[in-house]
Full PDB file with SEQRES, HELIX, SHEET, SSBOND, CRYST1, ORIGX, SCALE, CONECT and MASTER records, all heavy atoms in Angstrom:
SEQRES   1 A   29  MET ILE GLY ARG GLY VAL LEU GLY ASP PRO TRP LEU ILE          
SEQRES   2 A   29  LYS GLN ILE VAL GLN TYR LEU ASP SER GLY THR TYR GLU          
SEQRES   3 A   29  PRO ILE ALA                                                  
HELIX    1 AA1 ARG A    4  VAL A    6  5                                   3    
HELIX    2 AA2 TRP A   11  SER A   22  1                                  12    
CRYST1    1.000    1.000    1.000  90.00  90.00  90.00 P 1           1          
ORIGX1      1.000000  0.000000  0.000000        0.00000                         
ORIGX2      0.000000  1.000000  0.000000        0.00000                         
ORIGX3      0.000000  0.000000  1.000000        0.00000                         
SCALE1      1.000000  0.000000  0.000000        0.00000                         
SCALE2      0.000000  1.000000  0.000000        0.00000                         
SCALE3      0.000000  0.000000  1.000000        0.00000                         
ATOM      1  N   MET A   1      47.211 -56.605  95.951  1.00  0.00           N  
ATOM      2  CA  MET A   1      46.557 -57.790  95.357  1.00  0.00           C  
ATOM      3  C   MET A   1      45.058 -57.491  95.208  1.00  0.00           C  
ATOM      4  O   MET A   1      44.420 -57.148  96.159  1.00  0.00           O  
ATOM      5  CB  MET A   1      46.777 -59.038  96.239  1.00  0.00           C  
ATOM      6  CG  MET A   1      46.108 -60.275  95.720  1.00  0.00           C  
ATOM      7  SD  MET A   1      46.361 -61.682  96.865  1.00  0.00           S  
ATOM      8  CE  MET A   1      47.937 -62.312  96.233  1.00  0.00           C  
ATOM      9  N   ILE A   2      44.592 -57.687  93.943  1.00  0.00           N  
ATOM     10  CA  ILE A   2      43.198 -57.434  93.698  1.00  0.00           C  
ATOM     11  C   ILE A   2      42.526 -58.761  93.358  1.00  0.00           C  
ATOM     12  O   ILE A   2      43.051 -59.595  92.627  1.00  0.00           O  
ATOM     13  CB  ILE A   2      42.910 -56.380  92.574  1.00  0.00           C  
ATOM     14  CG1 ILE A   2      43.832 -56.626  91.372  1.00  0.00           C  
ATOM     15  CG2 ILE A   2      43.139 -55.011  93.151  1.00  0.00           C  
ATOM     16  CD1 ILE A   2      43.595 -55.702  90.248  1.00  0.00           C  
ATOM     17  N   GLY A   3      41.292 -58.945  93.923  1.00  0.00           N  
ATOM     18  CA  GLY A   3      40.571 -60.163  93.738  1.00  0.00           C  
ATOM     19  C   GLY A   3      39.218 -59.956  93.121  1.00  0.00           C  
ATOM     20  O   GLY A   3      39.082 -59.779  91.897  1.00  0.00           O  
ATOM     21  N   ARG A   4      38.209 -59.838  93.962  1.00  0.00           N  
ATOM     22  CA  ARG A   4      36.843 -59.818  93.430  1.00  0.00           C  
ATOM     23  C   ARG A   4      36.582 -58.519  92.628  1.00  0.00           C  
ATOM     24  O   ARG A   4      35.654 -58.497  91.733  1.00  0.00           O  
ATOM     25  CB  ARG A   4      35.872 -59.829  94.660  1.00  0.00           C  
ATOM     26  CG  ARG A   4      35.836 -61.265  95.218  1.00  0.00           C  
ATOM     27  CD  ARG A   4      35.092 -61.302  96.551  1.00  0.00           C  
ATOM     28  NE  ARG A   4      35.708 -60.463  97.592  1.00  0.00           N  
ATOM     29  CZ  ARG A   4      35.024 -59.971  98.650  1.00  0.00           C  
ATOM     30  NH1 ARG A   4      33.785 -60.233  98.818  1.00  0.00           N  
ATOM     31  NH2 ARG A   4      35.716 -59.274  99.528  1.00  0.00           N  
ATOM     32  N   GLY A   5      37.395 -57.479  92.821  1.00  0.00           N  
ATOM     33  CA  GLY A   5      37.192 -56.256  92.020  1.00  0.00           C  
ATOM     34  C   GLY A   5      37.436 -56.477  90.542  1.00  0.00           C  
ATOM     35  O   GLY A   5      36.995 -55.666  89.733  1.00  0.00           O  
ATOM     36  N   VAL A   6      38.149 -57.538  90.155  1.00  0.00           N  
ATOM     37  CA  VAL A   6      38.515 -57.837  88.762  1.00  0.00           C  
ATOM     38  C   VAL A   6      37.396 -58.605  88.030  1.00  0.00           C  
ATOM     39  O   VAL A   6      37.364 -58.618  86.831  1.00  0.00           O  
ATOM     40  CB  VAL A   6      39.843 -58.616  88.666  1.00  0.00           C  
ATOM     41  CG1 VAL A   6      40.251 -58.948  87.291  1.00  0.00           C  
ATOM     42  CG2 VAL A   6      40.945 -57.869  89.369  1.00  0.00           C  
ATOM     43  N   LEU A   7      36.498 -59.212  88.795  1.00  0.00           N  
ATOM     44  CA  LEU A   7      35.456 -60.078  88.216  1.00  0.00           C  
ATOM     45  C   LEU A   7      34.533 -59.210  87.299  1.00  0.00           C  
ATOM     46  O   LEU A   7      33.877 -58.271  87.717  1.00  0.00           O  
ATOM     47  CB  LEU A   7      34.636 -60.774  89.270  1.00  0.00           C  
ATOM     48  CG  LEU A   7      35.509 -61.650  90.210  1.00  0.00           C  
ATOM     49  CD1 LEU A   7      34.610 -62.290  91.295  1.00  0.00           C  
ATOM     50  CD2 LEU A   7      36.211 -62.724  89.393  1.00  0.00           C  
ATOM     51  N   GLY A   8      34.550 -59.557  86.055  1.00  0.00           N  
ATOM     52  CA  GLY A   8      33.781 -58.771  85.040  1.00  0.00           C  
ATOM     53  C   GLY A   8      34.429 -57.482  84.682  1.00  0.00           C  
ATOM     54  O   GLY A   8      33.914 -56.706  83.865  1.00  0.00           O  
ATOM     55  N   ASP A   9      35.560 -57.166  85.300  1.00  0.00           N  
ATOM     56  CA  ASP A   9      36.203 -55.886  85.041  1.00  0.00           C  
ATOM     57  C   ASP A   9      37.743 -56.015  85.069  1.00  0.00           C  
ATOM     58  O   ASP A   9      38.409 -55.405  85.894  1.00  0.00           O  
ATOM     59  CB  ASP A   9      35.780 -54.837  86.132  1.00  0.00           C  
ATOM     60  CG  ASP A   9      36.331 -53.474  85.856  1.00  0.00           C  
ATOM     61  OD1 ASP A   9      36.785 -53.185  84.709  1.00  0.00           O  
ATOM     62  OD2 ASP A   9      36.362 -52.641  86.771  1.00  0.00           O  
ATOM     63  N   PRO A  10      38.315 -56.848  84.124  1.00  0.00           N  
ATOM     64  CA  PRO A  10      39.792 -56.958  84.104  1.00  0.00           C  
ATOM     65  C   PRO A  10      40.489 -55.655  83.761  1.00  0.00           C  
ATOM     66  O   PRO A  10      41.666 -55.519  83.984  1.00  0.00           O  
ATOM     67  CB  PRO A  10      39.985 -58.037  83.046  1.00  0.00           C  
ATOM     68  CG  PRO A  10      38.810 -58.014  82.155  1.00  0.00           C  
ATOM     69  CD  PRO A  10      37.680 -57.644  83.122  1.00  0.00           C  
ATOM     70  N   TRP A  11      39.765 -54.682  83.255  1.00  0.00           N  
ATOM     71  CA  TRP A  11      40.276 -53.355  82.964  1.00  0.00           C  
ATOM     72  C   TRP A  11      40.827 -52.670  84.138  1.00  0.00           C  
ATOM     73  O   TRP A  11      41.744 -51.843  84.073  1.00  0.00           O  
ATOM     74  CB  TRP A  11      39.209 -52.478  82.249  1.00  0.00           C  
ATOM     75  CG  TRP A  11      38.816 -52.980  80.931  1.00  0.00           C  
ATOM     76  CD1 TRP A  11      39.335 -52.634  79.703  1.00  0.00           C  
ATOM     77  CD2 TRP A  11      37.744 -53.902  80.635  1.00  0.00           C  
ATOM     78  NE1 TRP A  11      38.704 -53.302  78.682  1.00  0.00           N  
ATOM     79  CE2 TRP A  11      37.739 -54.088  79.250  1.00  0.00           C  
ATOM     80  CE3 TRP A  11      36.845 -54.636  81.425  1.00  0.00           C  
ATOM     81  CZ2 TRP A  11      36.818 -54.934  78.628  1.00  0.00           C  
ATOM     82  CZ3 TRP A  11      35.956 -55.489  80.838  1.00  0.00           C  
ATOM     83  CH2 TRP A  11      35.937 -55.649  79.391  1.00  0.00           C  
ATOM     84  N   LEU A  12      40.321 -53.066  85.360  1.00  0.00           N  
ATOM     85  CA  LEU A  12      40.766 -52.474  86.577  1.00  0.00           C  
ATOM     86  C   LEU A  12      42.269 -52.656  86.774  1.00  0.00           C  
ATOM     87  O   LEU A  12      42.980 -51.840  87.322  1.00  0.00           O  
ATOM     88  CB  LEU A  12      40.041 -53.058  87.768  1.00  0.00           C  
ATOM     89  CG  LEU A  12      40.424 -52.594  89.174  1.00  0.00           C  
ATOM     90  CD1 LEU A  12      40.147 -51.078  89.383  1.00  0.00           C  
ATOM     91  CD2 LEU A  12      39.637 -53.378  90.254  1.00  0.00           C  
ATOM     92  N   ILE A  13      42.780 -53.852  86.308  1.00  0.00           N  
ATOM     93  CA  ILE A  13      44.196 -54.132  86.418  1.00  0.00           C  
ATOM     94  C   ILE A  13      45.056 -53.052  85.731  1.00  0.00           C  
ATOM     95  O   ILE A  13      45.949 -52.472  86.310  1.00  0.00           O  
ATOM     96  CB  ILE A  13      44.503 -55.541  85.804  1.00  0.00           C  
ATOM     97  CG1 ILE A  13      43.784 -56.627  86.517  1.00  0.00           C  
ATOM     98  CG2 ILE A  13      46.036 -55.787  85.768  1.00  0.00           C  
ATOM     99  CD1 ILE A  13      43.732 -57.955  85.710  1.00  0.00           C  
ATOM    100  N   LYS A  14      44.692 -52.806  84.507  1.00  0.00           N  
ATOM    101  CA  LYS A  14      45.421 -51.810  83.680  1.00  0.00           C  
ATOM    102  C   LYS A  14      45.263 -50.420  84.278  1.00  0.00           C  
ATOM    103  O   LYS A  14      46.188 -49.655  84.310  1.00  0.00           O  
ATOM    104  CB  LYS A  14      44.934 -51.852  82.250  1.00  0.00           C  
ATOM    105  CG  LYS A  14      45.783 -51.076  81.242  1.00  0.00           C  
ATOM    106  CD  LYS A  14      45.277 -51.259  79.867  1.00  0.00           C  
ATOM    107  CE  LYS A  14      46.123 -50.479  78.865  1.00  0.00           C  
ATOM    108  NZ  LYS A  14      45.544 -50.540  77.482  1.00  0.00           N  
ATOM    109  N   GLN A  15      44.067 -50.124  84.738  1.00  0.00           N  
ATOM    110  CA  GLN A  15      43.827 -48.805  85.336  1.00  0.00           C  
ATOM    111  C   GLN A  15      44.706 -48.576  86.513  1.00  0.00           C  
ATOM    112  O   GLN A  15      45.282 -47.519  86.733  1.00  0.00           O  
ATOM    113  CB  GLN A  15      42.334 -48.629  85.745  1.00  0.00           C  
ATOM    114  CG  GLN A  15      41.420 -48.522  84.555  1.00  0.00           C  
ATOM    115  CD  GLN A  15      39.971 -48.428  84.998  1.00  0.00           C  
ATOM    116  OE1 GLN A  15      39.569 -49.069  86.043  1.00  0.00           O  
ATOM    117  NE2 GLN A  15      39.133 -47.809  84.223  1.00  0.00           N  
ATOM    118  N   ILE A  16      44.882 -49.624  87.391  1.00  0.00           N  
ATOM    119  CA  ILE A  16      45.721 -49.451  88.567  1.00  0.00           C  
ATOM    120  C   ILE A  16      47.181 -49.308  88.208  1.00  0.00           C  
ATOM    121  O   ILE A  16      47.895 -48.452  88.673  1.00  0.00           O  
ATOM    122  CB  ILE A  16      45.499 -50.642  89.580  1.00  0.00           C  
ATOM    123  CG1 ILE A  16      44.113 -50.592  90.142  1.00  0.00           C  
ATOM    124  CG2 ILE A  16      46.511 -50.559  90.692  1.00  0.00           C  
ATOM    125  CD1 ILE A  16      43.733 -51.795  91.007  1.00  0.00           C  
ATOM    126  N   VAL A  17      47.609 -50.151  87.232  1.00  0.00           N  
ATOM    127  CA  VAL A  17      49.019 -50.078  86.709  1.00  0.00           C  
ATOM    128  C   VAL A  17      49.259 -48.617  86.237  1.00  0.00           C  
ATOM    129  O   VAL A  17      50.263 -48.011  86.599  1.00  0.00           O  
ATOM    130  CB  VAL A  17      49.294 -51.135  85.636  1.00  0.00           C  
ATOM    131  CG1 VAL A  17      50.641 -50.852  84.962  1.00  0.00           C  
ATOM    132  CG2 VAL A  17      49.221 -52.526  86.146  1.00  0.00           C  
ATOM    133  N   GLN A  18      48.334 -48.127  85.426  1.00  0.00           N  
ATOM    134  CA  GLN A  18      48.493 -46.743  84.811  1.00  0.00           C  
ATOM    135  C   GLN A  18      48.498 -45.704  85.921  1.00  0.00           C  
ATOM    136  O   GLN A  18      49.270 -44.764  85.929  1.00  0.00           O  
ATOM    137  CB  GLN A  18      47.345 -46.430  83.833  1.00  0.00           C  
ATOM    138  CG  GLN A  18      47.457 -47.219  82.536  1.00  0.00           C  
ATOM    139  CD  GLN A  18      46.238 -46.945  81.682  1.00  0.00           C  
ATOM    140  OE1 GLN A  18      45.120 -46.655  82.138  1.00  0.00           O  
ATOM    141  NE2 GLN A  18      46.405 -47.107  80.370  1.00  0.00           N  
ATOM    142  N   TYR A  19      47.578 -45.820  86.850  1.00  0.00           N  
ATOM    143  CA  TYR A  19      47.400 -44.820  87.915  1.00  0.00           C  
ATOM    144  C   TYR A  19      48.629 -44.765  88.828  1.00  0.00           C  
ATOM    145  O   TYR A  19      49.123 -43.699  89.185  1.00  0.00           O  
ATOM    146  CB  TYR A  19      46.143 -45.104  88.732  1.00  0.00           C  
ATOM    147  CG  TYR A  19      45.775 -44.000  89.721  1.00  0.00           C  
ATOM    148  CD1 TYR A  19      45.347 -42.739  89.238  1.00  0.00           C  
ATOM    149  CD2 TYR A  19      45.822 -44.217  91.091  1.00  0.00           C  
ATOM    150  CE1 TYR A  19      44.993 -41.788  90.126  1.00  0.00           C  
ATOM    151  CE2 TYR A  19      45.440 -43.269  91.979  1.00  0.00           C  
ATOM    152  CZ  TYR A  19      45.018 -42.040  91.482  1.00  0.00           C  
ATOM    153  OH  TYR A  19      44.686 -40.992  92.377  1.00  0.00           O  
ATOM    154  N   LEU A  20      49.197 -45.956  89.168  1.00  0.00           N  
ATOM    155  CA  LEU A  20      50.382 -45.963  90.041  1.00  0.00           C  
ATOM    156  C   LEU A  20      51.592 -45.405  89.288  1.00  0.00           C  
ATOM    157  O   LEU A  20      52.510 -44.845  89.859  1.00  0.00           O  
ATOM    158  CB  LEU A  20      50.693 -47.372  90.506  1.00  0.00           C  
ATOM    159  CG  LEU A  20      49.606 -48.020  91.376  1.00  0.00           C  
ATOM    160  CD1 LEU A  20      50.033 -49.440  91.829  1.00  0.00           C  
ATOM    161  CD2 LEU A  20      49.300 -47.182  92.632  1.00  0.00           C  
ATOM    162  N   ASP A  21      51.532 -45.545  87.961  1.00  0.00           N  
ATOM    163  CA  ASP A  21      52.663 -45.115  87.100  1.00  0.00           C  
ATOM    164  C   ASP A  21      52.614 -43.631  86.804  1.00  0.00           C  
ATOM    165  O   ASP A  21      53.589 -42.916  86.904  1.00  0.00           O  
ATOM    166  CB  ASP A  21      52.551 -45.873  85.807  1.00  0.00           C  
ATOM    167  CG  ASP A  21      53.950 -46.178  85.243  1.00  0.00           C  
ATOM    168  OD1 ASP A  21      54.887 -46.135  85.993  1.00  0.00           O  
ATOM    169  OD2 ASP A  21      54.018 -46.482  84.031  1.00  0.00           O  
ATOM    170  N   SER A  22      51.394 -43.113  86.505  1.00  0.00           N  
ATOM    171  CA  SER A  22      51.314 -41.740  85.964  1.00  0.00           C  
ATOM    172  C   SER A  22      50.324 -40.856  86.665  1.00  0.00           C  
ATOM    173  O   SER A  22      50.226 -39.661  86.357  1.00  0.00           O  
ATOM    174  CB  SER A  22      50.932 -41.828  84.489  1.00  0.00           C  
ATOM    175  OG  SER A  22      49.609 -42.361  84.331  1.00  0.00           O  
ATOM    176  N   GLY A  23      49.461 -41.418  87.573  1.00  0.00           N  
ATOM    177  CA  GLY A  23      48.456 -40.612  88.244  1.00  0.00           C  
ATOM    178  C   GLY A  23      47.177 -40.467  87.429  1.00  0.00           C  
ATOM    179  O   GLY A  23      46.262 -39.763  87.844  1.00  0.00           O  
ATOM    180  N   THR A  24      47.120 -41.044  86.234  1.00  0.00           N  
ATOM    181  CA  THR A  24      45.909 -40.998  85.426  1.00  0.00           C  
ATOM    182  C   THR A  24      45.597 -42.438  84.899  1.00  0.00           C  
ATOM    183  O   THR A  24      46.500 -43.282  84.959  1.00  0.00           O  
ATOM    184  CB  THR A  24      46.065 -40.083  84.176  1.00  0.00           C  
ATOM    185  OG1 THR A  24      47.122 -40.603  83.369  1.00  0.00           O  
ATOM    186  CG2 THR A  24      46.344 -38.634  84.570  1.00  0.00           C  
ATOM    187  N   TYR A  25      44.377 -42.613  84.436  1.00  0.00           N  
ATOM    188  CA  TYR A  25      44.037 -43.906  83.831  1.00  0.00           C  
ATOM    189  C   TYR A  25      42.889 -43.796  82.902  1.00  0.00           C  
ATOM    190  O   TYR A  25      42.105 -42.804  82.896  1.00  0.00           O  
ATOM    191  CB  TYR A  25      43.683 -44.953  84.950  1.00  0.00           C  
ATOM    192  CG  TYR A  25      42.548 -44.566  85.875  1.00  0.00           C  
ATOM    193  CD1 TYR A  25      41.243 -44.923  85.572  1.00  0.00           C  
ATOM    194  CD2 TYR A  25      42.750 -43.863  87.033  1.00  0.00           C  
ATOM    195  CE1 TYR A  25      40.169 -44.548  86.390  1.00  0.00           C  
ATOM    196  CE2 TYR A  25      41.756 -43.477  87.878  1.00  0.00           C  
ATOM    197  CZ  TYR A  25      40.449 -43.847  87.520  1.00  0.00           C  
ATOM    198  OH  TYR A  25      39.393 -43.471  88.373  1.00  0.00           O  
ATOM    199  N   GLU A  26      42.790 -44.779  82.010  1.00  0.00           N  
ATOM    200  CA  GLU A  26      41.717 -44.781  81.019  1.00  0.00           C  
ATOM    201  C   GLU A  26      40.352 -44.957  81.581  1.00  0.00           C  
ATOM    202  O   GLU A  26      40.250 -45.616  82.626  1.00  0.00           O  
ATOM    203  CB  GLU A  26      42.043 -45.838  79.932  1.00  0.00           C  
ATOM    204  CG  GLU A  26      43.169 -45.527  79.070  1.00  0.00           C  
ATOM    205  CD  GLU A  26      43.625 -46.730  78.202  1.00  0.00           C  
ATOM    206  OE1 GLU A  26      42.819 -47.649  78.041  1.00  0.00           O  
ATOM    207  OE2 GLU A  26      44.782 -46.719  77.709  1.00  0.00           O  
ATOM    208  N   PRO A  27      39.315 -44.391  80.972  1.00  0.00           N  
ATOM    209  CA  PRO A  27      37.954 -44.542  81.521  1.00  0.00           C  
ATOM    210  C   PRO A  27      37.484 -46.031  81.559  1.00  0.00           C  
ATOM    211  O   PRO A  27      38.026 -46.887  80.940  1.00  0.00           O  
ATOM    212  CB  PRO A  27      37.075 -43.723  80.573  1.00  0.00           C  
ATOM    213  CG  PRO A  27      37.890 -43.588  79.312  1.00  0.00           C  
ATOM    214  CD  PRO A  27      39.313 -43.584  79.753  1.00  0.00           C  
ATOM    215  N   ILE A  28      36.439 -46.181  82.336  1.00  0.00           N  
ATOM    216  CA  ILE A  28      35.830 -47.559  82.453  1.00  0.00           C  
ATOM    217  C   ILE A  28      35.359 -48.035  81.084  1.00  0.00           C  
ATOM    218  O   ILE A  28      34.901 -47.275  80.299  1.00  0.00           O  
ATOM    219  CB  ILE A  28      34.684 -47.443  83.437  1.00  0.00           C  
ATOM    220  CG1 ILE A  28      35.205 -47.220  84.829  1.00  0.00           C  
ATOM    221  CG2 ILE A  28      33.779 -48.689  83.422  1.00  0.00           C  
ATOM    222  CD1 ILE A  28      34.221 -46.692  85.867  1.00  0.00           C  
ATOM    223  N   ALA A  29      35.518 -49.357  80.846  1.00  0.00           N  
ATOM    224  CA  ALA A  29      35.099 -49.959  79.583  1.00  0.00           C  
ATOM    225  C   ALA A  29      33.600 -49.826  79.351  1.00  0.00           C  
ATOM    226  O   ALA A  29      32.804 -49.896  80.299  1.00  0.00           O  
ATOM    227  CB  ALA A  29      35.501 -51.436  79.603  1.00  0.00           C  
TER     228      ALA A  29                                                      
MASTER        0    0    0    2    0    0    0    6  227    1    0    3          
END                                                                             
């Protein structure tokens, strides 16, 4: 569960989903 880390950075959600899935993720917005 992620909370304050998402504030101003909802991209973190997708990065975690990608990383858990494939070990890689898209760069920071």
